[in-house]
Amino acid sequence: MAALPHSFSPSRTTCASLLRQLQMIWDEIGESHSDRDNMLLQLEQECLDIYQRKVEETRKHKADLYKLLVDAEAEAASIISSLGECTPFSRGRGTLKQQLAIITPVLEDLRSKKDDRIREFSKIQSQICQIRNEIAGYEQSNGVSDPKVIQDDLTVKKLGELRSHLHELQNEKILRQQKVNSHISAISELSEVMSVDFLNTLDEIHPSLGDSSRGTQKSISNDTIARLTGTIHLLKQEKQQRLQKAQELAKRLIELWDLIDIPIDEQKPFSHLTGLISASVDEVRAQGSLSADVIEQAEVEILRLNVLKVSKMKDLVFKRQIELEEIYKEVHMDVDSEAARQILNQLVESGDIDLSDLLHSMDDQIRKAKEQALSRRDILDRVEKWKFAAEEEKWLDEYERDENRYSAVRGAHKNLKRAEKARSLVGKIPSLVESLIAKVKTWEAEKGIPFLYEKEPLLHSLYEYNVQRKLREEEKRKIREQRRLQEQSAIGQEALFGSRSAAKKPLGQGTNAGTPTGRRVLTPSGRYGTPAGKDRRESGRMNTIIPVNYVALPKDDSGFRGN
């Protein structure tokens, strides 16, 4: 085919013009009619093929448009279904392109909504997954991927369910965080009381609990909470054991302090320990109050005091002996102090007994002595009143024998007042003695032993005093009668012979009225004696105070050894 002329414009060329040009060219060439017909047939076939191909292409394009329309419609319906939209969708009528022009923006809008909804689902599911991983204890470095969003159900209802589930997990996370913080606070308090390394303890449970420098969240996994709970339980057990040990050490310290009389200044460094004796576990919160150092210091101090105790024990034993003697002396109970001290010295020097047991035994004797002294106190007070009354009775007797008692001498008025009071007091002596006798009898009936006072049975002394008092009263009556007879005789003689001066000696002068010889009486001074001046003392050894279970015990009021 010859080249087209330059003046040929494809846009203006038609098939007829091209065919005329082709004819002109053939004429110039001299083509035959058969060749021309063949060429035309060939040309027609080629045109037909081109049309046919174009038709096929156009048909395919139509099918593609239709498929695109159908797919778009299906996609739109699927999105509407997954989103749960209730708005009806229609592609309308018209050509395929017109229908596509209608559905395309609608589809784009639905896709945008779907993408937004997927992002919401993905965000919530990521948060849910993260909280679940935290509860499960998975580390972020493990590369746990976010869960894929299931696009079949992107409805608002499903989104609300996910949000509700996320809210529940968030609440659970908050509760777990609070629980973890509470456990950490408990561990901190326990560690502070016992001076335990707090951060190291947390690091052993989980590194995130004690490392706040990197800003990492504390682990809230089941394993972490379980380990925190276990650690608290162990620390509480340790605290309980330490408190019990501290209380035992404190009691031992107090025993040693009391035993060897440690000064208050030396006790002060351990006052915080002794203050724990009556404390419960929950009450002990002071920093370092149950530290290992505190307990170790107490143990060292106890070892030191035990060494010191041995050197001071002998002095303490004899100090207890002196205390016991003072108790008996105060309530007028006789003991053989010298014999008791000799026996104690032999026991201490022999080393055959535990000095602590000896001290405990003596403390028990002191306790019993105090109880016995307390039971004697009421009677002894009445004895003192009786002795005072007897002294006043003796003074009154001497005062009444004095013929110059009414003379105007210095102090006479005081003696008159004393005599008046003495007479009142002496008048109460019988009832006082009878009351004292009743008290003594009651005491002896309860105790089953006689009540001794200055080595003698008090009841016997009271009976003897009553007898002596009656004798004195009888002697006073005889003297008064003798005086009366002498005065009557003098009056008769005066009537017969007249008055004459004669020196009269007062009767009873130089005698101890009312105190016959040969009988022992409890005098107001508290000593026993005889009118003749003889001192009759009880023969034999005196009572001795010796610890229980080792040697003889001190004699009680009856003279028998106690238990």
Protein backbone atom coordinates (compact mmCIF):
# COMPACT_ATOMS: atom_id res chain seq x y z
CA MET A 1 0.00 0.00 0.00
CA ALA A 2 1.30 3.38 -1.08
CA ALA A 3 1.84 6.06 1.48
CA LEU A 4 -0.96 8.49 2.00
CA PRO A 5 -0.50 11.98 0.65
CA HIS A 6 0.54 14.67 3.06
CA SER A 7 -2.73 16.42 2.44
CA PHE A 8 -4.59 13.40 3.81
CA SER A 9 -6.22 13.97 7.13
CA PRO A 10 -7.35 10.79 8.90
CA SER A 11 -10.01 12.65 10.79
CA ARG A 12 -11.63 13.78 7.53
CA THR A 13 -11.03 10.60 5.53
CA THR A 14 -13.99 8.33 4.97
CA CYS A 15 -14.17 4.81 3.57
CA ALA A 16 -15.57 6.04 0.21
CA SER A 17 -12.76 8.53 -0.27
CA LEU A 18 -10.24 5.89 0.65
CA LEU A 19 -11.79 3.48 -1.79
CA ARG A 20 -11.63 6.09 -4.58
CA GLN A 21 -8.03 6.71 -3.80
CA LEU A 22 -7.42 3.00 -3.86
CA GLN A 23 -9.11 2.75 -7.30
CA MET A 24 -6.99 5.56 -8.65
CA ILE A 25 -3.88 3.88 -7.42
CA TRP A 26 -4.89 0.58 -8.94
CA ASP A 27 -5.56 2.28 -12.20
CA GLU A 28 -2.14 3.74 -12.20
CA ILE A 29 -0.66 0.40 -11.33
CA GLY A 30 -2.74 -1.46 -13.77
CA GLU A 31 -4.16 -4.04 -11.48
CA SER A 32 -6.53 -6.54 -13.02
CA HIS A 33 -10.12 -6.76 -12.02
CA SER A 34 -9.69 -10.17 -10.44
CA ASP A 35 -6.83 -8.87 -8.35
CA ARG A 36 -8.86 -5.88 -7.47
CA ASP A 37 -11.81 -8.07 -6.46
CA ASN A 38 -9.56 -10.27 -4.35
CA MET A 39 -8.08 -7.24 -2.68
CA LEU A 40 -11.46 -5.80 -1.98
CA LEU A 41 -12.64 -9.11 -0.57
CA GLN A 42 -9.55 -9.25 1.56
CA LEU A 43 -10.09 -5.67 2.63
CA GLU A 44 -13.71 -6.36 3.45
CA GLN A 45 -12.67 -9.42 5.45
CA GLU A 46 -10.14 -7.41 7.36
CA CYS A 47 -12.72 -4.73 8.12
CA LEU A 48 -15.11 -7.40 9.22
CA ASP A 49 -12.50 -8.85 11.49
CA ILE A 50 -11.82 -5.46 12.95
CA TYR A 51 -15.52 -4.87 13.59
CA GLN A 52 -15.86 -8.33 14.97
CA ARG A 53 -12.96 -7.79 17.34
CA LYS A 54 -14.31 -4.43 18.38
CA VAL A 55 -17.69 -5.93 19.04
CA GLU A 56 -16.11 -8.62 21.17
CA GLU A 57 -14.13 -6.05 23.05
CA THR A 58 -17.19 -3.95 23.57
CA ARG A 59 -19.18 -6.93 24.71
CA LYS A 60 -16.44 -7.85 27.15
CA HIS A 61 -16.34 -4.27 28.39
CA LYS A 62 -20.07 -4.44 28.95
CA ALA A 63 -19.67 -7.69 30.86
CA ASP A 64 -16.95 -6.13 32.93
CA LEU A 65 -19.11 -3.13 33.67
CA TYR A 66 -21.99 -5.37 34.59
CA LYS A 67 -19.77 -7.49 36.79
CA LEU A 68 -18.35 -4.38 38.36
CA LEU A 69 -21.88 -3.18 38.98
CA VAL A 70 -22.94 -6.50 40.44
CA ASP A 71 -19.81 -6.70 42.61
CA ALA A 72 -20.30 -3.17 43.77
CA GLU A 73 -23.90 -3.92 44.58
CA ALA A 74 -22.89 -7.12 46.41
CA GLU A 75 -20.13 -5.33 48.28
CA ALA A 76 -22.49 -2.57 49.26
CA ALA A 77 -25.03 -5.09 50.46
CA SER A 78 -22.33 -6.95 52.39
CA ILE A 79 -21.08 -3.77 54.03
CA ILE A 80 -24.60 -2.72 54.87
CA SER A 81 -25.20 -6.14 56.38
CA SER A 82 -21.94 -6.17 58.36
CA LEU A 83 -22.52 -2.63 59.61
CA GLY A 84 -26.09 -3.45 60.45
CA GLU A 85 -27.38 -0.53 58.44
CA CYS A 86 -31.14 -0.39 57.99
CA THR A 87 -31.11 2.06 55.04
CA PRO A 88 -32.35 0.34 51.81
CA PHE A 89 -30.01 0.55 48.82
CA SER A 90 -31.06 0.79 45.09
CA ARG A 91 -28.84 1.30 42.06
CA GLY A 92 -31.68 2.89 40.05
CA ARG A 93 -32.25 2.60 36.31
CA GLY A 94 -30.29 3.69 33.20
CA THR A 95 -27.15 2.56 31.46
CA LEU A 96 -24.54 0.57 33.22
CA LYS A 97 -22.32 3.59 33.53
CA GLN A 98 -25.17 5.59 34.95
CA GLN A 99 -25.87 2.88 37.47
CA LEU A 100 -22.17 2.72 38.34
CA ALA A 101 -22.11 6.47 38.71
CA ILE A 102 -24.93 6.13 41.26
CA ILE A 103 -23.50 3.19 43.26
CA THR A 104 -19.83 4.22 43.28
CA PRO A 105 -20.10 7.16 45.76
CA VAL A 106 -22.48 5.15 47.91
CA LEU A 107 -20.00 2.29 47.95
CA GLU A 108 -17.12 4.63 48.76
CA ASP A 109 -19.08 6.03 51.68
CA LEU A 110 -19.90 2.53 52.93
CA ARG A 111 -16.26 1.54 52.61
CA SER A 112 -15.25 4.58 54.62
CA LYS A 113 -17.76 3.68 57.33
CA LYS A 114 -16.52 0.11 57.30
CA ASP A 115 -12.90 1.23 57.64
CA ASP A 116 -13.79 3.49 60.53
CA ARG A 117 -15.72 0.69 62.19
CA ILE A 118 -12.84 -1.73 61.68
CA ARG A 119 -10.46 0.73 63.27
CA GLU A 120 -12.77 1.02 66.28
CA PHE A 121 -12.99 -2.75 66.54
CA SER A 122 -9.26 -3.09 66.12
CA LYS A 123 -8.54 -0.48 68.82
CA ILE A 124 -10.90 -2.10 71.33
CA GLN A 125 -9.69 -5.60 70.52
CA SER A 126 -6.09 -4.43 70.90
CA GLN A 127 -6.88 -3.03 74.34
CA ILE A 128 -8.69 -6.22 75.29
CA CYS A 129 -5.78 -8.28 74.06
CA GLN A 130 -3.30 -6.09 75.95
CA ILE A 131 -5.20 -6.41 79.26
CA ARG A 132 -5.57 -10.14 78.76
CA ASN A 133 -1.85 -10.41 78.13
CA GLU A 134 -1.16 -8.40 81.29
CA ILE A 135 -3.44 -10.67 83.32
CA ALA A 136 -1.90 -13.76 81.72
CA GLY A 137 1.59 -12.39 82.38
CA TYR A 138 2.76 -12.25 78.76
CA GLU A 139 5.57 -9.82 78.15
CA GLN A 140 5.20 -7.26 75.35
CA SER A 141 8.55 -8.39 73.96
CA ASN A 142 7.06 -11.77 73.14
CA GLY A 143 5.63 -10.24 69.97
CA VAL A 144 2.01 -11.16 70.57
CA SER A 145 0.19 -9.70 67.53
CA ASP A 146 -3.08 -7.86 67.74
CA PRO A 147 -6.13 -10.00 66.99
CA LYS A 148 -7.67 -9.77 63.48
CA VAL A 149 -11.02 -8.10 63.20
CA ILE A 150 -13.77 -10.41 62.02
CA GLN A 151 -15.52 -8.28 59.37
CA ASP A 152 -18.67 -10.34 59.13
CA ASP A 153 -20.15 -8.62 62.15
CA LEU A 154 -19.27 -4.95 62.53
CA THR A 155 -22.59 -3.90 63.97
CA VAL A 156 -23.01 -1.33 66.69
CA LYS A 157 -24.34 -4.09 68.96
CA LYS A 158 -21.17 -6.11 68.54
CA LEU A 159 -19.09 -2.98 69.10
CA GLY A 160 -21.05 -2.30 72.30
CA GLU A 161 -20.42 -5.85 73.51
CA LEU A 162 -16.72 -5.41 72.91
CA ARG A 163 -16.74 -2.08 74.73
CA SER A 164 -18.61 -3.65 77.65
CA HIS A 165 -16.11 -6.49 77.78
CA LEU A 166 -13.25 -3.97 77.63
CA HIS A 167 -14.84 -2.03 80.48
CA GLU A 168 -15.04 -5.18 82.58
CA LEU A 169 -11.42 -5.96 81.87
CA GLN A 170 -10.41 -2.39 82.69
CA ASN A 171 -12.25 -2.65 86.01
CA GLU A 172 -10.55 -5.95 86.70
CA LYS A 173 -7.22 -4.36 85.83
CA ILE A 174 -7.89 -1.50 88.26
CA LEU A 175 -8.80 -3.98 91.00
CA ARG A 176 -5.67 -5.98 90.29
CA GLN A 177 -3.55 -2.84 90.35
CA GLN A 178 -5.09 -1.87 93.68
CA LYS A 179 -4.48 -5.37 95.00
CA VAL A 180 -0.87 -5.31 93.80
CA ASN A 181 -0.31 -1.88 95.37
CA SER A 182 -1.92 -3.08 98.60
CA HIS A 183 0.34 -6.13 98.67
CA ILE A 184 3.37 -3.96 97.95
CA SER A 185 2.40 -1.64 100.82
CA ALA A 186 2.01 -4.64 103.15
CA ILE A 187 5.42 -5.97 102.10
CA SER A 188 6.91 -2.50 102.58
CA GLU A 189 5.50 -2.27 106.11
CA LEU A 190 6.68 -5.76 107.03
CA SER A 191 10.09 -5.12 105.49
CA GLU A 192 10.39 -1.86 107.41
CA VAL A 193 9.57 -3.50 110.74
CA MET A 194 12.09 -6.31 110.18
CA SER A 195 14.66 -4.20 108.21
CA VAL A 196 14.39 -6.50 105.18
CA ASP A 197 15.59 -5.30 101.71
CA PHE A 198 12.28 -4.15 100.26
CA LEU A 199 13.38 -3.54 96.65
CA ASN A 200 15.26 -6.80 96.46
CA THR A 201 12.19 -8.65 97.72
CA LEU A 202 10.01 -7.05 95.03
CA ASP A 203 12.59 -7.71 92.33
CA GLU A 204 12.56 -11.41 93.22
CA ILE A 205 8.80 -11.46 92.74
CA HIS A 206 8.78 -9.49 89.44
CA PRO A 207 11.23 -6.90 88.07
CA SER A 208 8.46 -4.44 87.19
CA LEU A 209 7.38 -4.10 90.84
CA GLY A 210 10.55 -2.55 92.18
CA ASP A 211 11.83 -0.72 89.06
CA SER A 212 9.96 2.57 88.68
CA SER A 213 12.74 4.38 86.81
CA ARG A 214 11.74 3.09 83.38
CA GLY A 215 8.09 3.95 83.82
CA THR A 216 6.95 0.39 83.18
CA GLN A 217 3.60 -0.74 84.47
CA LYS A 218 3.57 -3.07 87.44
CA SER A 219 2.75 -6.66 86.63
CA ILE A 220 -0.82 -7.62 87.54
CA SER A 221 -0.70 -11.23 86.41
CA ASN A 222 -2.14 -14.09 88.40
CA ASP A 223 1.36 -15.41 89.02
CA THR A 224 2.58 -12.04 90.34
CA ILE A 225 -0.39 -11.65 92.68
CA ALA A 226 0.05 -15.23 93.90
CA ARG A 227 3.75 -14.64 94.57
CA LEU A 228 2.99 -11.36 96.36
CA THR A 229 0.44 -13.15 98.54
CA GLY A 230 2.92 -15.90 99.29
CA THR A 231 5.64 -13.41 100.17
CA ILE A 232 3.30 -11.55 102.55
CA HIS A 233 2.42 -14.85 104.22
CA LEU A 234 6.09 -15.73 104.66
CA LEU A 235 6.93 -12.26 105.99
CA LYS A 236 4.05 -12.42 108.47
CA GLN A 237 5.25 -15.80 109.67
CA GLU A 238 8.76 -14.40 110.01
CA LYS A 239 7.39 -11.38 111.88
CA GLN A 240 5.43 -13.65 114.24
CA GLN A 241 8.51 -15.78 114.91
CA ARG A 242 10.69 -12.73 115.47
CA LEU A 243 8.11 -11.18 117.80
CA GLN A 244 7.91 -14.38 119.85
CA LYS A 245 11.69 -14.55 120.03
CA ALA A 246 11.91 -10.85 120.93
CA GLN A 247 9.31 -11.31 123.68
CA GLU A 248 11.18 -14.31 125.07
CA LEU A 249 14.45 -12.36 125.02
CA ALA A 250 12.76 -9.34 126.65
CA LYS A 251 11.33 -11.51 129.44
CA ARG A 252 14.72 -13.10 129.96
CA LEU A 253 16.33 -9.65 130.10
CA ILE A 254 13.84 -8.45 132.70
CA GLU A 255 14.44 -11.59 134.77
CA LEU A 256 18.19 -11.02 134.66
CA TRP A 257 17.82 -7.29 135.40
CA ASP A 258 15.68 -8.04 138.44
CA LEU A 259 17.93 -10.90 139.45
CA ILE A 260 21.20 -8.99 139.45
CA ASP A 261 19.80 -5.47 140.02
CA ILE A 262 20.91 -3.86 136.77
CA PRO A 263 20.63 -0.01 136.91
CA ILE A 264 17.85 1.68 134.95
CA ASP A 265 20.36 3.49 132.74
CA GLU A 266 21.72 0.17 131.49
CA GLN A 267 18.20 -1.05 130.77
CA LYS A 268 17.18 1.93 128.63
CA PRO A 269 18.91 0.75 125.40
CA PHE A 270 16.55 -2.24 125.39
CA SER A 271 13.35 -0.41 126.38
CA HIS A 272 12.01 -0.77 122.83
CA LEU A 273 12.39 -4.54 123.18
CA THR A 274 10.74 -4.82 126.59
CA GLY A 275 7.86 -2.75 125.26
CA LEU A 276 6.99 -5.63 122.92
CA ILE A 277 6.24 -8.14 125.69
CA SER A 278 2.47 -7.58 125.68
CA ALA A 279 2.19 -6.38 122.06
CA SER A 280 0.34 -8.33 119.36
CA VAL A 281 1.70 -8.88 115.87
CA ASP A 282 -0.50 -6.19 114.32
CA GLU A 283 0.51 -3.63 116.95
CA VAL A 284 4.23 -3.85 116.13
CA ARG A 285 4.86 -1.26 113.38
CA ALA A 286 7.91 0.73 114.47
CA GLN A 287 10.75 0.79 111.97
CA GLY A 288 13.41 -1.81 112.68
CA SER A 289 11.72 -2.96 115.90
CA LEU A 290 12.08 -6.62 114.86
CA SER A 291 15.28 -6.38 112.86
CA ALA A 292 17.89 -9.11 113.03
CA ASP A 293 20.31 -6.63 114.60
CA VAL A 294 17.92 -5.88 117.48
CA ILE A 295 17.46 -9.57 118.25
CA GLU A 296 21.19 -10.22 117.95
CA GLN A 297 21.99 -7.35 120.34
CA ALA A 298 19.51 -8.76 122.86
CA GLU A 299 21.10 -12.21 122.60
CA VAL A 300 24.57 -10.74 123.13
CA GLU A 301 23.30 -8.77 126.16
CA ILE A 302 21.77 -11.91 127.65
CA LEU A 303 25.07 -13.75 127.27
CA ARG A 304 26.83 -10.87 129.02
CA LEU A 305 24.28 -10.80 131.84
CA ASN A 306 24.52 -14.57 132.31
CA VAL A 307 28.26 -14.21 132.85
CA LEU A 308 27.63 -11.32 135.23
CA LYS A 309 24.89 -13.25 137.01
CA VAL A 310 27.27 -15.92 138.26
CA SER A 311 29.49 -13.34 139.95
CA LYS A 312 26.56 -11.55 141.60
CA MET A 313 24.47 -14.56 142.50
CA LYS A 314 26.02 -15.08 145.90
CA ASP A 315 25.31 -11.48 146.90
CA LEU A 316 21.74 -11.84 145.67
CA VAL A 317 21.20 -15.00 147.69
CA PHE A 318 22.26 -13.29 150.90
CA LYS A 319 20.29 -10.19 149.96
CA ARG A 320 17.17 -12.38 149.73
CA GLN A 321 18.11 -13.87 153.12
CA ILE A 322 18.30 -10.41 154.68
CA GLU A 323 14.94 -9.48 153.14
CA LEU A 324 13.41 -12.65 154.57
CA GLU A 325 14.85 -11.92 158.01
CA GLU A 326 13.46 -8.37 157.90
CA ILE A 327 9.97 -9.68 157.09
CA TYR A 328 10.04 -12.08 160.06
CA LYS A 329 11.55 -9.46 162.33
CA GLU A 330 8.86 -6.93 161.42
CA VAL A 331 6.11 -9.32 162.50
CA HIS A 332 8.00 -10.54 165.61
CA MET A 333 8.79 -14.02 164.31
CA ASP A 334 12.05 -15.43 165.61
CA VAL A 335 14.64 -16.92 163.22
CA ASP A 336 18.20 -18.16 163.63
CA SER A 337 19.85 -15.83 161.10
CA GLU A 338 23.38 -16.99 161.77
CA ALA A 339 22.61 -20.67 161.23
CA ALA A 340 20.62 -19.88 158.07
CA ARG A 341 23.49 -17.86 156.61
CA GLN A 342 25.99 -20.59 157.36
CA ILE A 343 23.88 -23.17 155.56
CA LEU A 344 23.35 -20.84 152.57
CA ASN A 345 27.07 -20.15 152.39
CA GLN A 346 27.79 -23.88 152.35
CA LEU A 347 25.26 -24.42 149.55
CA VAL A 348 26.69 -21.60 147.44
CA GLU A 349 30.30 -22.62 147.97
CA SER A 350 29.63 -26.29 147.24
CA GLY A 351 28.24 -25.59 143.76
CA ASP A 352 25.91 -28.58 144.07
CA ILE A 353 22.78 -26.55 143.33
CA ASP A 354 21.64 -24.15 140.65
CA LEU A 355 21.78 -20.66 142.10
CA SER A 356 18.81 -19.59 139.98
CA ASP A 357 16.73 -22.36 141.52
CA LEU A 358 17.98 -21.33 144.93
CA LEU A 359 16.90 -17.74 144.29
CA HIS A 360 13.50 -18.88 143.04
CA SER A 361 13.14 -20.99 146.16
CA MET A 362 14.01 -18.03 148.37
CA ASP A 363 11.61 -15.80 146.43
CA ASP A 364 8.92 -18.37 147.14
CA GLN A 365 9.81 -18.28 150.84
CA ILE A 366 9.67 -14.49 150.79
CA ARG A 367 6.25 -14.63 149.15
CA LYS A 368 4.98 -17.07 151.77
CA ALA A 369 6.54 -15.00 154.54
CA LYS A 370 4.76 -11.89 153.26
CA GLU A 371 1.48 -13.79 153.15
CA GLN A 372 2.05 -15.01 156.69
CA ALA A 373 3.04 -11.53 157.83
CA LEU A 374 -0.10 -10.11 156.25
CA SER A 375 -2.24 -12.65 158.08
CA ARG A 376 -0.58 -11.61 161.39
CA ARG A 377 -0.85 -7.86 160.78
CA ASP A 378 -4.31 -7.34 162.31
CA ILE A 379 -3.41 -9.25 165.46
CA LEU A 380 -0.07 -7.47 165.79
CA ASP A 381 -1.78 -4.09 165.53
CA ARG A 382 -4.07 -5.12 168.39
CA VAL A 383 -1.05 -6.36 170.37
CA GLU A 384 0.56 -2.93 170.00
CA LYS A 385 -2.62 -1.31 171.32
CA TRP A 386 -2.66 -3.76 174.22
CA LYS A 387 1.01 -3.11 175.03
CA PHE A 388 0.42 0.63 174.96
CA ALA A 389 -2.61 0.27 177.22
CA ALA A 390 -0.57 -1.92 179.61
CA GLU A 391 2.17 0.73 179.72
CA GLU A 392 -0.40 3.37 180.52
CA GLU A 393 -1.88 1.09 183.20
CA LYS A 394 1.55 0.72 184.83
CA TRP A 395 2.12 4.46 184.73
CA LEU A 396 -1.32 5.10 186.20
CA ASP A 397 -0.58 2.70 189.06
CA GLU A 398 2.64 4.54 189.86
CA TYR A 399 0.90 7.89 189.50
CA GLU A 400 -1.89 6.95 191.88
CA ARG A 401 0.63 5.75 194.50
CA ASP A 402 2.26 9.17 194.43
CA GLU A 403 0.77 11.16 197.40
CA ASN A 404 2.18 14.40 195.98
CA ARG A 405 0.40 14.09 192.66
CA TYR A 406 -1.99 16.92 193.51
CA SER A 407 0.71 19.34 194.61
CA ALA A 408 1.24 22.48 192.57
CA VAL A 409 4.42 21.45 190.86
CA ARG A 410 5.48 22.08 187.29
CA GLY A 411 3.78 19.71 184.80
CA ALA A 412 1.12 18.53 187.28
CA HIS A 413 -1.72 19.57 184.99
CA LYS A 414 -0.26 17.47 182.18
CA ASN A 415 -0.10 14.43 184.42
CA LEU A 416 -3.73 15.02 185.39
CA LYS A 417 -4.77 15.02 181.75
CA ARG A 418 -2.68 11.93 181.02
CA ALA A 419 -4.18 10.16 184.05
CA GLU A 420 -7.68 10.98 182.82
CA LYS A 421 -6.92 9.50 179.41
CA ALA A 422 -5.10 6.53 180.96
CA ARG A 423 -8.13 5.68 183.12
CA SER A 424 -10.33 5.72 180.02
CA LEU A 425 -7.88 3.51 178.15
CA VAL A 426 -7.36 1.12 181.08
CA GLY A 427 -11.07 0.70 181.30
CA LYS A 428 -11.04 -0.69 177.76
CA ILE A 429 -8.27 -3.22 178.43
CA PRO A 430 -10.57 -6.15 179.35
CA SER A 431 -12.59 -5.83 176.15
CA LEU A 432 -9.39 -5.28 174.14
CA VAL A 433 -7.81 -8.42 175.59
CA GLU A 434 -10.94 -10.48 175.08
CA SER A 435 -11.17 -9.29 171.46
CA LEU A 436 -7.48 -10.10 170.93
CA ILE A 437 -7.96 -13.58 172.43
CA ALA A 438 -10.87 -14.21 170.06
CA LYS A 439 -8.79 -13.06 167.08
CA VAL A 440 -5.87 -15.27 168.04
CA LYS A 441 -8.12 -18.30 168.51
CA THR A 442 -9.66 -17.74 165.10
CA TRP A 443 -6.23 -17.38 163.50
CA GLU A 444 -4.93 -20.54 165.17
CA ALA A 445 -8.03 -22.46 164.09
CA GLU A 446 -7.53 -21.41 160.48
CA LYS A 447 -3.78 -22.03 160.42
CA GLY A 448 -3.67 -25.05 162.69
CA ILE A 449 -0.64 -23.67 164.55
CA PRO A 450 -0.16 -21.50 167.65
CA PHE A 451 0.42 -17.77 167.20
CA LEU A 452 3.94 -17.06 168.49
CA TYR A 453 5.05 -13.62 169.60
CA GLU A 454 8.69 -13.20 170.59
CA LYS A 455 9.09 -17.01 170.82
CA GLU A 456 6.10 -17.41 173.13
CA PRO A 457 2.47 -18.36 172.35
CA LEU A 458 0.54 -15.11 172.40
CA LEU A 459 -2.62 -16.76 173.71
CA HIS A 460 -0.75 -18.03 176.77
CA SER A 461 0.64 -14.54 177.37
CA LEU A 462 -2.84 -13.05 177.16
CA TYR A 463 -4.27 -15.57 179.64
CA GLU A 464 -1.38 -14.96 181.98
CA TYR A 465 -1.85 -11.23 181.69
CA ASN A 466 -5.52 -11.60 182.66
CA VAL A 467 -4.51 -13.65 185.70
CA GLN A 468 -1.82 -11.15 186.71
CA ARG A 469 -4.22 -8.27 186.21
CA LYS A 470 -6.80 -9.89 188.46
CA LEU A 471 -4.11 -10.48 191.08
CA ARG A 472 -3.08 -6.84 190.84
CA GLU A 473 -6.68 -5.75 191.19
CA GLU A 474 -7.11 -7.98 194.23
CA GLU A 475 -3.92 -6.62 195.81
CA LYS A 476 -5.11 -3.07 195.15
CA ARG A 477 -8.41 -3.91 196.84
CA LYS A 478 -6.60 -5.32 199.90
CA ILE A 479 -4.42 -2.22 200.13
CA ARG A 480 -7.46 0.02 199.95
CA GLU A 481 -9.17 -2.05 202.64
CA GLN A 482 -6.05 -1.95 204.83
CA ARG A 483 -5.86 1.83 204.44
CA ARG A 484 -9.52 2.13 205.33
CA LEU A 485 -9.01 0.07 208.51
CA GLN A 486 -5.92 2.07 209.46
CA GLU A 487 -7.77 5.32 208.99
CA GLN A 488 -10.66 4.08 211.14
CA SER A 489 -8.23 2.97 213.86
CA ALA A 490 -6.46 6.32 213.77
CA ILE A 491 -9.76 8.15 214.09
CA GLY A 492 -10.68 6.01 217.12
CA GLN A 493 -7.37 6.61 218.83
CA GLU A 494 -7.65 10.32 218.15
CA ALA A 495 -11.03 10.33 219.75
CA LEU A 496 -9.64 8.59 222.86
CA PHE A 497 -6.21 10.18 223.22
CA GLY A 498 -6.37 13.29 221.09
CA SER A 499 -4.53 14.21 217.91
CA ARG A 500 -0.87 13.48 217.68
CA SER A 501 1.48 13.92 214.86
CA ALA A 502 3.08 10.87 213.54
CA ALA A 503 4.95 10.24 210.39
CA LYS A 504 2.96 7.90 208.19
CA LYS A 505 4.54 5.88 205.55
CA PRO A 506 2.45 5.18 202.49
CA LEU A 507 1.53 1.61 202.05
CA GLY A 508 2.76 -0.40 199.16
CA GLN A 509 5.88 1.70 198.80
CA GLY A 510 8.80 -0.16 197.33
CA THR A 511 6.71 -3.15 196.19
CA ASN A 512 5.63 -4.19 192.70
CA ALA A 513 1.92 -4.56 193.23
CA GLY A 514 0.20 -7.17 191.18
CA THR A 515 3.31 -8.98 189.98
CA PRO A 516 3.86 -12.17 191.97
CA THR A 517 7.16 -13.91 191.77
CA GLY A 518 7.78 -17.05 189.85
CA ARG A 519 5.52 -16.22 186.83
CA ARG A 520 6.63 -14.92 183.40
CA VAL A 521 4.66 -11.94 182.03
CA LEU A 522 4.75 -10.04 178.71
CA THR A 523 5.85 -6.57 179.87
CA PRO A 524 4.85 -3.37 178.01
CA SER A 525 8.33 -3.21 176.52
CA GLY A 526 7.66 -6.51 174.77
CA ARG A 527 10.16 -8.57 176.80
CA TYR A 528 9.45 -11.47 179.10
CA GLY A 529 10.75 -11.52 182.66
CA THR A 530 10.03 -12.45 186.26
CA PRO A 531 9.46 -10.13 189.22
CA ALA A 532 12.56 -11.52 190.86
CA GLY A 533 14.59 -10.38 187.84
CA LYS A 534 15.25 -13.85 186.59
CA ASP A 535 15.34 -14.30 182.82
CA ARG A 536 13.94 -17.65 181.80
CA ARG A 537 14.73 -18.27 178.14
CA GLU A 538 13.79 -21.15 176.02
CA SER A 539 16.62 -23.64 175.55
CA GLY A 540 17.54 -25.16 172.21
CA ARG A 541 18.36 -23.86 168.76
CA MET A 542 16.42 -20.99 167.14
CA ASN A 543 14.43 -21.26 163.96
CA THR A 544 16.42 -21.21 160.73
CA ILE A 545 15.35 -19.94 157.24
CA ILE A 546 16.57 -22.37 154.55
CA PRO A 547 15.42 -22.67 150.89
CA VAL A 548 12.87 -25.27 149.84
CA ASN A 549 14.04 -28.60 148.42
CA TYR A 550 17.63 -28.14 149.47
CA VAL A 551 17.89 -27.93 153.26
CA ALA A 552 15.56 -27.50 156.21
CA LEU A 553 12.87 -24.82 155.92
CA PRO A 554 12.35 -22.11 158.57
CA LYS A 555 10.10 -23.04 161.44
CA ASP A 556 6.62 -21.65 161.32
CA ASP A 557 4.67 -20.28 164.26
CA SER A 558 4.09 -23.77 165.61
CA GLY A 559 7.75 -24.68 165.52
CA PHE A 560 7.19 -27.26 162.79
CA ARG A 561 8.87 -27.11 159.38
CA GLY A 562 6.70 -25.98 156.46
CA ASN A 563 6.32 -27.40 153.01
